Amino acid sequence: MTDDLPIPDYDQLPENSIAHRVRTLDADGVARLLEHERGHANRVQVVQLLERRLDDLRSGAAEPTGGDPAGAQPEVPSTPDRGSPVEDSDKQANNQPLRHGVAGQTPNRPIR
């Protein structure tokens, strides 16, 4: 049944890739994917994405974009590496925890 889907290897695609590829489809193509998704994996986020896209296409709020849904698409990582928002120059030099109740044993910390 997956051979007649408008996006090849649809079942193996991650959710974020489906969002990019579905933009090239018309309302009939999106409806076929939605029916397939509901009958198979039934991923909530994908179903919602397809429903919104189908509503937009049918209401005229969106049109299919150019391109081939089978063409190579950039794969977006599902969990992007955001790194640390703290600059190295802003990190505290002394990472020793403060000791409470012991006079004279609290490490000296620079005053900012």
N, C-alpha and C. Protein backbone atom coordinates (compact mmCIF):
# COMPACT_ATOMS: atom_id res chain seq x y z
N MET A 1 0.81 -1.19 0.00
CA MET A 1 0.00 0.00 0.00
C MET A 1 0.85 1.26 0.00
N THR A 2 2.09 1.17 0.52
CA THR A 2 2.94 2.35 0.56
C THR A 2 3.47 2.72 -0.82
N ASP A 3 3.35 1.81 -1.80
CA ASP A 3 3.82 2.12 -3.14
C ASP A 3 2.97 3.19 -3.81
N ASP A 4 1.71 3.32 -3.43
CA ASP A 4 0.85 4.31 -4.06
C ASP A 4 0.81 5.64 -3.30
N LEU A 5 1.65 5.80 -2.29
CA LEU A 5 1.71 7.06 -1.56
C LEU A 5 2.49 8.09 -2.37
N PRO A 6 2.12 9.36 -2.26
CA PRO A 6 2.79 10.39 -3.05
C PRO A 6 4.22 10.72 -2.59
N ILE A 7 4.61 10.26 -1.41
CA ILE A 7 5.98 10.46 -0.93
C ILE A 7 6.63 9.09 -0.75
N PRO A 8 7.68 8.81 -1.52
CA PRO A 8 8.35 7.51 -1.40
C PRO A 8 8.94 7.30 0.00
N ASP A 9 8.92 6.08 0.47
CA ASP A 9 9.47 5.71 1.78
C ASP A 9 8.89 6.54 2.91
N TYR A 10 7.63 6.89 2.78
CA TYR A 10 6.96 7.75 3.75
C TYR A 10 7.07 7.20 5.17
N ASP A 11 6.87 5.91 5.34
CA ASP A 11 6.85 5.32 6.68
C ASP A 11 8.21 5.39 7.39
N GLN A 12 9.29 5.55 6.64
CA GLN A 12 10.62 5.61 7.24
C GLN A 12 11.07 7.05 7.52
N LEU A 13 10.28 8.03 7.12
CA LEU A 13 10.69 9.42 7.29
C LEU A 13 10.41 9.91 8.71
N PRO A 14 11.34 10.72 9.26
CA PRO A 14 11.05 11.34 10.55
C PRO A 14 10.00 12.44 10.39
N GLU A 15 9.35 12.78 11.47
CA GLU A 15 8.25 13.74 11.44
C GLU A 15 8.65 15.08 10.84
N ASN A 16 9.84 15.57 11.19
CA ASN A 16 10.24 16.88 10.69
C ASN A 16 10.51 16.87 9.18
N SER A 17 10.88 15.75 8.62
CA SER A 17 11.08 15.65 7.18
C SER A 17 9.73 15.62 6.45
N ILE A 18 8.74 15.01 7.05
CA ILE A 18 7.40 14.97 6.45
C ILE A 18 6.85 16.38 6.32
N ALA A 19 7.10 17.22 7.30
CA ALA A 19 6.61 18.60 7.27
C ALA A 19 7.13 19.34 6.05
N HIS A 20 8.38 19.08 5.65
CA HIS A 20 8.95 19.74 4.48
C HIS A 20 8.40 19.17 3.18
N ARG A 21 8.29 17.87 3.12
CA ARG A 21 7.88 17.21 1.88
C ARG A 21 6.39 17.40 1.56
N VAL A 22 5.56 17.52 2.58
CA VAL A 22 4.11 17.60 2.37
C VAL A 22 3.72 18.93 1.71
N ARG A 23 4.59 19.91 1.78
CA ARG A 23 4.28 21.22 1.16
C ARG A 23 4.15 21.14 -0.35
N THR A 24 4.75 20.13 -0.96
CA THR A 24 4.70 20.01 -2.42
C THR A 24 3.43 19.34 -2.91
N LEU A 25 2.65 18.78 -2.00
CA LEU A 25 1.48 17.98 -2.39
C LEU A 25 0.21 18.81 -2.50
N ASP A 26 -0.69 18.35 -3.35
CA ASP A 26 -2.02 18.96 -3.43
C ASP A 26 -2.92 18.32 -2.37
N ALA A 27 -4.17 18.76 -2.30
CA ALA A 27 -5.09 18.28 -1.26
C ALA A 27 -5.31 16.77 -1.35
N ASP A 28 -5.39 16.23 -2.57
CA ASP A 28 -5.59 14.78 -2.71
C ASP A 28 -4.42 14.00 -2.16
N GLY A 29 -3.20 14.47 -2.42
CA GLY A 29 -2.01 13.80 -1.91
C GLY A 29 -1.93 13.83 -0.40
N VAL A 30 -2.24 14.98 0.18
CA VAL A 30 -2.22 15.11 1.64
C VAL A 30 -3.31 14.23 2.26
N ALA A 31 -4.48 14.18 1.62
CA ALA A 31 -5.57 13.34 2.13
C ALA A 31 -5.17 11.86 2.11
N ARG A 32 -4.47 11.43 1.07
CA ARG A 32 -4.01 10.02 1.01
C ARG A 32 -3.01 9.73 2.12
N LEU A 33 -2.10 10.68 2.36
CA LEU A 33 -1.13 10.48 3.45
C LEU A 33 -1.83 10.45 4.80
N LEU A 34 -2.81 11.32 4.98
CA LEU A 34 -3.54 11.37 6.25
C LEU A 34 -4.27 10.06 6.50
N GLU A 35 -4.91 9.53 5.49
CA GLU A 35 -5.61 8.25 5.63
C GLU A 35 -4.62 7.14 5.97
N HIS A 36 -3.48 7.14 5.30
CA HIS A 36 -2.45 6.12 5.55
C HIS A 36 -1.91 6.26 6.98
N GLU A 37 -1.62 7.49 7.39
CA GLU A 37 -1.07 7.72 8.73
C GLU A 37 -2.03 7.26 9.81
N ARG A 38 -3.29 7.59 9.66
CA ARG A 38 -4.29 7.18 10.66
C ARG A 38 -4.42 5.65 10.73
N GLY A 39 -4.25 4.98 9.62
CA GLY A 39 -4.39 3.53 9.59
C GLY A 39 -3.14 2.77 9.99
N HIS A 40 -2.01 3.47 10.10
CA HIS A 40 -0.76 2.76 10.40
C HIS A 40 -0.12 3.30 11.68
N ALA A 41 0.83 4.19 11.58
CA ALA A 41 1.56 4.66 12.76
C ALA A 41 0.69 5.54 13.65
N ASN A 42 -0.20 6.33 13.05
CA ASN A 42 -1.11 7.22 13.77
C ASN A 42 -0.36 8.11 14.76
N ARG A 43 0.74 8.73 14.27
CA ARG A 43 1.53 9.65 15.10
C ARG A 43 0.73 10.95 15.25
N VAL A 44 0.47 11.32 16.48
CA VAL A 44 -0.40 12.47 16.78
C VAL A 44 0.10 13.73 16.09
N GLN A 45 1.38 14.02 16.21
CA GLN A 45 1.92 15.25 15.62
C GLN A 45 1.82 15.24 14.10
N VAL A 46 2.04 14.09 13.48
CA VAL A 46 1.96 14.00 12.03
C VAL A 46 0.50 14.13 11.57
N VAL A 47 -0.41 13.49 12.28
CA VAL A 47 -1.83 13.61 11.94
C VAL A 47 -2.27 15.07 12.03
N GLN A 48 -1.87 15.76 13.09
CA GLN A 48 -2.23 17.17 13.24
C GLN A 48 -1.62 18.02 12.14
N LEU A 49 -0.37 17.75 11.80
CA LEU A 49 0.29 18.47 10.71
C LEU A 49 -0.45 18.28 9.40
N LEU A 50 -0.80 17.04 9.09
CA LEU A 50 -1.49 16.74 7.83
C LEU A 50 -2.90 17.34 7.82
N GLU A 51 -3.60 17.30 8.95
CA GLU A 51 -4.94 17.89 9.02
C GLU A 51 -4.88 19.40 8.77
N ARG A 52 -3.91 20.07 9.42
CA ARG A 52 -3.77 21.53 9.21
C ARG A 52 -3.45 21.85 7.76
N ARG A 53 -2.54 21.08 7.17
CA ARG A 53 -2.15 21.33 5.78
C ARG A 53 -3.34 21.10 4.85
N LEU A 54 -4.08 20.05 5.09
CA LEU A 54 -5.25 19.74 4.26
C LEU A 54 -6.30 20.85 4.39
N ASP A 55 -6.55 21.31 5.59
CA ASP A 55 -7.50 22.41 5.80
C ASP A 55 -7.04 23.68 5.06
N ASP A 56 -5.74 23.97 5.15
CA ASP A 56 -5.20 25.16 4.47
C ASP A 56 -5.33 25.05 2.96
N LEU A 57 -5.07 23.87 2.43
CA LEU A 57 -5.19 23.68 0.97
C LEU A 57 -6.64 23.79 0.51
N ARG A 58 -7.53 23.19 1.26
CA ARG A 58 -8.95 23.20 0.87
C ARG A 58 -9.59 24.58 1.03
N SER A 59 -9.11 25.36 1.99
CA SER A 59 -9.68 26.70 2.20
C SER A 59 -9.05 27.75 1.29
N GLY A 60 -7.96 27.38 0.63
CA GLY A 60 -7.28 28.34 -0.24
C GLY A 60 -6.22 29.15 0.48
N ALA A 61 -5.98 28.87 1.75
CA ALA A 61 -4.98 29.59 2.52
C ALA A 61 -3.56 29.17 2.13
N ALA A 62 -3.43 28.05 1.45
CA ALA A 62 -2.12 27.56 1.03
C ALA A 62 -2.25 26.90 -0.34
N GLU A 63 -1.13 26.84 -1.04
CA GLU A 63 -1.05 26.16 -2.32
C GLU A 63 0.16 25.26 -2.31
N PRO A 64 0.15 24.19 -3.11
CA PRO A 64 1.35 23.35 -3.18
C PRO A 64 2.54 24.15 -3.71
N THR A 65 3.68 23.93 -3.13
CA THR A 65 4.89 24.59 -3.60
C THR A 65 5.48 23.78 -4.74
N GLY A 66 6.38 24.36 -5.45
CA GLY A 66 7.06 23.61 -6.50
C GLY A 66 8.01 22.60 -5.89
N GLY A 67 8.41 21.68 -6.68
CA GLY A 67 9.37 20.70 -6.19
C GLY A 67 8.83 19.30 -6.25
N ASP A 68 9.71 18.39 -6.01
CA ASP A 68 9.38 16.97 -6.09
C ASP A 68 9.42 16.38 -4.68
N PRO A 69 8.30 15.83 -4.19
CA PRO A 69 8.32 15.26 -2.85
C PRO A 69 9.25 14.07 -2.72
N ALA A 70 9.64 13.49 -3.84
CA ALA A 70 10.58 12.37 -3.81
C ALA A 70 12.02 12.85 -3.87
N GLY A 71 12.22 14.14 -4.17
CA GLY A 71 13.56 14.68 -4.28
C GLY A 71 14.28 14.72 -2.95
N ALA A 72 15.58 14.93 -3.06
CA ALA A 72 16.40 15.01 -1.85
C ALA A 72 15.98 16.21 -1.03
N GLN A 73 15.79 15.99 0.24
CA GLN A 73 15.39 17.04 1.17
C GLN A 73 16.43 17.11 2.28
N PRO A 74 16.70 18.31 2.78
CA PRO A 74 17.62 18.38 3.92
C PRO A 74 16.95 17.75 5.14
N GLU A 75 17.64 16.86 5.77
CA GLU A 75 17.11 16.22 6.96
C GLU A 75 17.50 17.05 8.17
N VAL A 76 16.51 17.50 8.91
CA VAL A 76 16.72 18.33 10.08
C VAL A 76 16.82 17.41 11.29
N PRO A 77 17.88 17.59 12.10
CA PRO A 77 17.96 16.72 13.29
C PRO A 77 16.78 16.96 14.21
N SER A 78 16.29 15.89 14.81
CA SER A 78 15.11 16.01 15.67
C SER A 78 15.42 16.72 16.98
N THR A 79 16.66 16.65 17.44
CA THR A 79 17.05 17.37 18.65
C THR A 79 18.29 18.20 18.32
N PRO A 80 18.10 19.46 17.96
CA PRO A 80 19.23 20.28 17.59
C PRO A 80 20.17 20.52 18.76
N ASP A 81 21.46 20.62 18.47
CA ASP A 81 22.45 20.90 19.49
C ASP A 81 22.44 22.39 19.75
N ARG A 82 21.97 22.78 20.90
CA ARG A 82 21.88 24.20 21.22
C ARG A 82 23.10 24.69 21.98
N GLY A 83 23.90 23.79 22.52
CA GLY A 83 25.09 24.19 23.25
C GLY A 83 24.76 24.98 24.51
N SER A 84 25.76 25.54 25.09
CA SER A 84 25.57 26.32 26.31
C SER A 84 25.42 27.79 25.95
N PRO A 85 24.42 28.46 26.54
CA PRO A 85 24.26 29.89 26.27
C PRO A 85 25.28 30.75 27.01
N VAL A 86 26.08 30.15 27.89
CA VAL A 86 27.05 30.89 28.70
C VAL A 86 28.37 30.96 27.95
N GLU A 87 28.89 32.17 27.82
CA GLU A 87 30.20 32.35 27.20
C GLU A 87 31.28 31.86 28.15
N ASP A 88 32.40 31.38 27.60
CA ASP A 88 33.49 30.91 28.45
C ASP A 88 33.99 32.00 29.39
N SER A 89 34.00 33.26 28.94
CA SER A 89 34.48 34.35 29.78
C SER A 89 33.54 34.64 30.95
N ASP A 90 32.29 34.19 30.86
CA ASP A 90 31.31 34.43 31.92
C ASP A 90 31.24 33.30 32.94
N LYS A 91 31.92 32.21 32.66
CA LYS A 91 31.88 31.08 33.59
C LYS A 91 32.66 31.42 34.84
N GLN A 92 32.20 30.93 35.96
CA GLN A 92 32.85 31.20 37.23
C GLN A 92 34.10 30.34 37.34
N ALA A 93 35.19 30.95 37.78
CA ALA A 93 36.47 30.25 37.86
C ALA A 93 36.47 29.21 38.97
N ASN A 94 35.92 29.56 40.13
CA ASN A 94 35.94 28.65 41.26
C ASN A 94 34.59 27.94 41.33
N ASN A 95 34.59 26.67 41.05
CA ASN A 95 33.35 25.91 41.01
C ASN A 95 33.10 25.14 42.29
N GLN A 96 33.87 25.44 43.33
CA GLN A 96 33.70 24.76 44.61
C GLN A 96 32.45 25.27 45.30
N PRO A 97 31.61 24.38 45.83
CA PRO A 97 30.38 24.84 46.49
C PRO A 97 30.69 25.56 47.80
N LEU A 98 29.81 26.47 48.15
CA LEU A 98 29.96 27.20 49.41
C LEU A 98 29.67 26.26 50.57
N ARG A 99 30.42 26.43 51.65
CA ARG A 99 30.19 25.63 52.86
C ARG A 99 29.49 26.52 53.86
N HIS A 100 28.49 26.02 54.46
CA HIS A 100 27.70 26.80 55.41
C HIS A 100 28.00 26.35 56.83
N GLY A 101 28.16 27.31 57.70
CA GLY A 101 28.34 27.01 59.13
C GLY A 101 29.77 26.73 59.54
N VAL A 102 30.72 26.80 58.63
CA VAL A 102 32.11 26.56 58.99
C VAL A 102 32.89 27.83 58.66
N ALA A 103 33.21 28.58 59.69
CA ALA A 103 33.89 29.87 59.49
C ALA A 103 35.27 29.67 58.87
N GLY A 104 35.58 30.52 57.93
CA GLY A 104 36.91 30.52 57.34
C GLY A 104 37.12 29.46 56.28
N GLN A 105 36.17 28.60 56.02
CA GLN A 105 36.37 27.56 55.01
C GLN A 105 35.59 27.83 53.72
N THR A 106 34.90 28.96 53.67
CA THR A 106 34.19 29.31 52.44
C THR A 106 35.21 29.85 51.46
N PRO A 107 35.26 29.33 50.25
CA PRO A 107 36.25 29.81 49.29
C PRO A 107 36.01 31.28 48.94
N ASN A 108 37.10 31.95 48.66
CA ASN A 108 37.01 33.35 48.26
C ASN A 108 36.43 33.42 46.85
N ARG A 109 35.47 34.28 46.68
CA ARG A 109 34.85 34.46 45.37
C ARG A 109 34.98 35.91 44.98
N PRO A 110 35.21 36.17 43.70
CA PRO A 110 35.32 37.57 43.28
C PRO A 110 33.97 38.27 43.41
N ILE A 111 34.00 39.51 43.76
CA ILE A 111 32.79 40.31 43.88
C ILE A 111 32.49 40.89 42.51
N ARG A 112 31.27 40.76 42.07
CA ARG A 112 30.88 41.28 40.74
C ARG A 112 29.97 42.44 40.89
